[in-house]
């Protein structure tokens, strides 16, 4: 049985989980899978998330959260050194909104 991704992503403390650590955790939790296969799956999932966001699509992982692309409108800005006004172009940036189980988990819920 493959364990849910949400249970594997939870790390104690504020230390981020590196990709190789995630691969090791998934492989350790699923001994019937080869480590090279787990690595391919994790890499493919991340590549697909990035590709979907590059297209402007929304990616939702149930129980974890949703990745979206937000747009920040262009605006006038100032050069801090010279004080001259410059145009700041429109920018797109990734945004993550945690799902309810992930949002509640740090406070003892879920």
C-alpha atoms as a PDB file:
ATOM      1  CA  UNK A   1       0.000   0.000   0.000  1.00  0.00           C
ATOM      2  CA  UNK A   2       1.317   3.451  -0.909  1.00  0.00           C
ATOM      3  CA  UNK A   3       1.171   5.876   2.013  1.00  0.00           C
ATOM      4  CA  UNK A   4      -0.454   9.297   1.478  1.00  0.00           C
ATOM      5  CA  UNK A   5       1.950  12.072   0.504  1.00  0.00           C
ATOM      6  CA  UNK A   6       0.622  14.352   3.282  1.00  0.00           C
ATOM      7  CA  UNK A   7       1.871  11.971   5.988  1.00  0.00           C
ATOM      8  CA  UNK A   8       5.334  11.871   4.412  1.00  0.00           C
ATOM      9  CA  UNK A   9       5.743  15.636   4.042  1.00  0.00           C
ATOM     10  CA  UNK A  10       5.288  16.413   7.728  1.00  0.00           C
ATOM     11  CA  UNK A  11       8.578  17.169   9.380  1.00  0.00           C
ATOM     12  CA  UNK A  12       9.056  17.907  13.071  1.00  0.00           C
ATOM     13  CA  UNK A  13      10.306  21.422  13.744  1.00  0.00           C
ATOM     14  CA  UNK A  14      10.766  24.184  11.202  1.00  0.00           C
ATOM     15  CA  UNK A  15      13.347  22.360   9.087  1.00  0.00           C
ATOM     16  CA  UNK A  16      12.355  22.099   5.404  1.00  0.00           C
ATOM     17  CA  UNK A  17      12.260  18.664   3.807  1.00  0.00           C
ATOM     18  CA  UNK A  18      14.715  18.365   0.928  1.00  0.00           C
ATOM     19  CA  UNK A  19      13.794  16.448  -2.204  1.00  0.00           C
ATOM     20  CA  UNK A  20      16.257  13.662  -1.470  1.00  0.00           C
ATOM     21  CA  UNK A  21      14.841  13.338   2.066  1.00  0.00           C
ATOM     22  CA  UNK A  22      11.338  13.096   0.637  1.00  0.00           C
ATOM     23  CA  UNK A  23      12.508  10.376  -1.747  1.00  0.00           C
ATOM     24  CA  UNK A  24      14.118   8.502   1.156  1.00  0.00           C
ATOM     25  CA  UNK A  25      10.934   8.767   3.254  1.00  0.00           C
ATOM     26  CA  UNK A  26       8.708   7.542   0.432  1.00  0.00           C
ATOM     27  CA  UNK A  27      11.112   4.665  -0.304  1.00  0.00           C
ATOM     28  CA  UNK A  28      11.314   3.705   3.391  1.00  0.00           C
ATOM     29  CA  UNK A  29       7.512   3.740   3.700  1.00  0.00           C
ATOM     30  CA  UNK A  30       7.082   1.640   0.531  1.00  0.00           C
ATOM     31  CA  UNK A  31       9.697  -1.102   0.639  1.00  0.00           C
ATOM     32  CA  UNK A  32       8.129  -2.875  -2.350  1.00  0.00           C
ATOM     33  CA  UNK A  33       9.220   0.015  -4.609  1.00  0.00           C
ATOM     34  CA  UNK A  34      12.778   0.473  -5.872  1.00  0.00           C
ATOM     35  CA  UNK A  35      14.507   3.706  -4.839  1.00  0.00           C
ATOM     36  CA  UNK A  36      15.142   4.629  -8.481  1.00  0.00           C
ATOM     37  CA  UNK A  37      11.415   4.274  -9.237  1.00  0.00           C
ATOM     38  CA  UNK A  38      10.498   6.435  -6.233  1.00  0.00           C
ATOM     39  CA  UNK A  39      12.973   9.072  -7.414  1.00  0.00           C
ATOM     40  CA  UNK A  40      11.415   9.094 -10.899  1.00  0.00           C
ATOM     41  CA  UNK A  41       7.908   9.430  -9.466  1.00  0.00           C
ATOM     42  CA  UNK A  42       8.822  12.307  -7.134  1.00  0.00           C
ATOM     43  CA  UNK A  43      10.757  14.103  -9.907  1.00  0.00           C
ATOM     44  CA  UNK A  44       7.870  13.658 -12.355  1.00  0.00           C
ATOM     45  CA  UNK A  45       5.298  14.974  -9.870  1.00  0.00           C
ATOM     46  CA  UNK A  46       7.355  18.112  -9.218  1.00  0.00           C
ATOM     47  CA  UNK A  47       8.041  18.644 -12.925  1.00  0.00           C
ATOM     48  CA  UNK A  48       4.322  18.376 -13.700  1.00  0.00           C
ATOM     49  CA  UNK A  49       3.439  20.871 -10.963  1.00  0.00           C
ATOM     50  CA  UNK A  50       5.985  23.351 -12.355  1.00  0.00           C
ATOM     51  CA  UNK A  51       4.825  22.787 -15.961  1.00  0.00           C
ATOM     52  CA  UNK A  52       1.174  23.288 -15.021  1.00  0.00           C
ATOM     53  CA  UNK A  53       1.975  26.516 -13.193  1.00  0.00           C
ATOM     54  CA  UNK A  54       4.012  27.736 -16.186  1.00  0.00           C
ATOM     55  CA  UNK A  55       0.837  27.264 -18.275  1.00  0.00           C
ATOM     56  CA  UNK A  56      -1.109  29.246 -15.668  1.00  0.00           C
ATOM     57  CA  UNK A  57      -3.043  26.214 -14.414  1.00  0.00           C
ATOM     58  CA  UNK A  58      -4.066  25.571 -10.820  1.00  0.00           C
ATOM     59  CA  UNK A  59      -2.631  22.446  -9.157  1.00  0.00           C
ATOM     60  CA  UNK A  60      -4.567  21.001  -6.227  1.00  0.00           C
ATOM     61  CA  UNK A  61      -3.239  18.219  -4.018  1.00  0.00           C
ATOM     62  CA  UNK A  62      -6.111  17.057  -1.790  1.00  0.00           C
ATOM     63  CA  UNK A  63      -5.251  17.264   1.883  1.00  0.00           C
ATOM     64  CA  UNK A  64      -2.130  19.308   1.161  1.00  0.00           C
ATOM     65  CA  UNK A  65      -3.092  22.480  -0.695  1.00  0.00           C
ATOM     66  CA  UNK A  66      -3.276  24.286  -4.001  1.00  0.00           C
ATOM     67  CA  UNK A  67      -0.584  25.908  -6.122  1.00  0.00           C
ATOM     68  CA  UNK A  68      -1.675  28.847  -8.261  1.00  0.00           C
ATOM     69  CA  UNK A  69      -0.043  31.607 -10.259  1.00  0.00           C
ATOM     70  CA  UNK A  70      -0.849  35.152  -9.210  1.00  0.00           C
ATOM     71  CA  UNK A  71      -0.221  38.328 -11.157  1.00  0.00           C
ATOM     72  CA  UNK A  72       1.113  41.530  -9.632  1.00  0.00           C
ATOM     73  CA  UNK A  73       0.123  44.531 -11.730  1.00  0.00           C
ATOM     74  CA  UNK A  74       2.736  46.855 -13.160  1.00  0.00           C
ATOM     75  CA  UNK A  75       3.255  50.086 -11.241  1.00  0.00           C
ATOM     76  CA  UNK A  76       5.465  53.138 -11.085  1.00  0.00           C
ATOM     77  CA  UNK A  77       8.481  52.758  -8.825  1.00  0.00           C
ATOM     78  CA  UNK A  78      11.557  54.671  -7.818  1.00  0.00           C
ATOM     79  CA  UNK A  79      15.242  53.897  -8.204  1.00  0.00           C
ATOM     80  CA  UNK A  80      16.473  53.976  -4.584  1.00  0.00           C
ATOM     81  CA  UNK A  81      19.894  55.313  -5.558  1.00  0.00           C
ATOM     82  CA  UNK A  82      18.948  58.154  -7.883  1.00  0.00           C
ATOM     83  CA  UNK A  83      15.301  58.667  -6.932  1.00  0.00           C
ATOM     84  CA  UNK A  84      14.321  58.563 -10.614  1.00  0.00           C
ATOM     85  CA  UNK A  85      10.906  57.139 -11.436  1.00  0.00           C
ATOM     86  CA  UNK A  86      10.957  53.788 -13.257  1.00  0.00           C
ATOM     87  CA  UNK A  87       8.206  51.534 -14.532  1.00  0.00           C
ATOM     88  CA  UNK A  88       7.964  48.212 -12.673  1.00  0.00           C
ATOM     89  CA  UNK A  89       6.514  45.642 -15.102  1.00  0.00           C
ATOM     90  CA  UNK A  90       3.711  43.196 -14.391  1.00  0.00           C
ATOM     91  CA  UNK A  91       4.976  40.023 -12.699  1.00  0.00           C
ATOM     92  CA  UNK A  92       3.625  36.516 -12.249  1.00  0.00           C
ATOM     93  CA  UNK A  93       4.571  34.565  -9.156  1.00  0.00           C
ATOM     94  CA  UNK A  94       3.705  31.209  -7.578  1.00  0.00           C
ATOM     95  CA  UNK A  95       1.355  31.069  -4.618  1.00  0.00           C
ATOM     96  CA  UNK A  96       0.572  28.156  -2.298  1.00  0.00           C
ATOM     97  CA  UNK A  97      -2.584  27.933  -0.229  1.00  0.00           C
ATOM     98  CA  UNK A  98      -2.543  25.089   2.306  1.00  0.00           C
ATOM     99  CA  UNK A  99      -5.552  22.796   2.513  1.00  0.00           C
ATOM    100  CA  UNK A 100      -7.590  22.577   5.682  1.00  0.00           C
ATOM    101  CA  UNK A 101      -5.831  19.459   7.105  1.00  0.00           C
ATOM    102  CA  UNK A 102      -2.395  20.995   6.535  1.00  0.00           C
ATOM    103  CA  UNK A 103      -3.514  24.371   7.877  1.00  0.00           C
ATOM    104  CA  UNK A 104      -4.830  22.818  11.109  1.00  0.00           C
ATOM    105  CA  UNK A 105      -1.953  20.374  11.705  1.00  0.00           C
ATOM    106  CA  UNK A 106       0.609  22.810  13.263  1.00  0.00           C
ATOM    107  CA  UNK A 107      -1.964  23.677  15.945  1.00  0.00           C
ATOM    108  CA  UNK A 108      -2.594  20.076  16.945  1.00  0.00           C
ATOM    109  CA  UNK A 109      -5.536  19.449  14.613  1.00  0.00           C
ATOM    110  CA  UNK A 110      -5.848  16.842  11.872  1.00  0.00           C
END
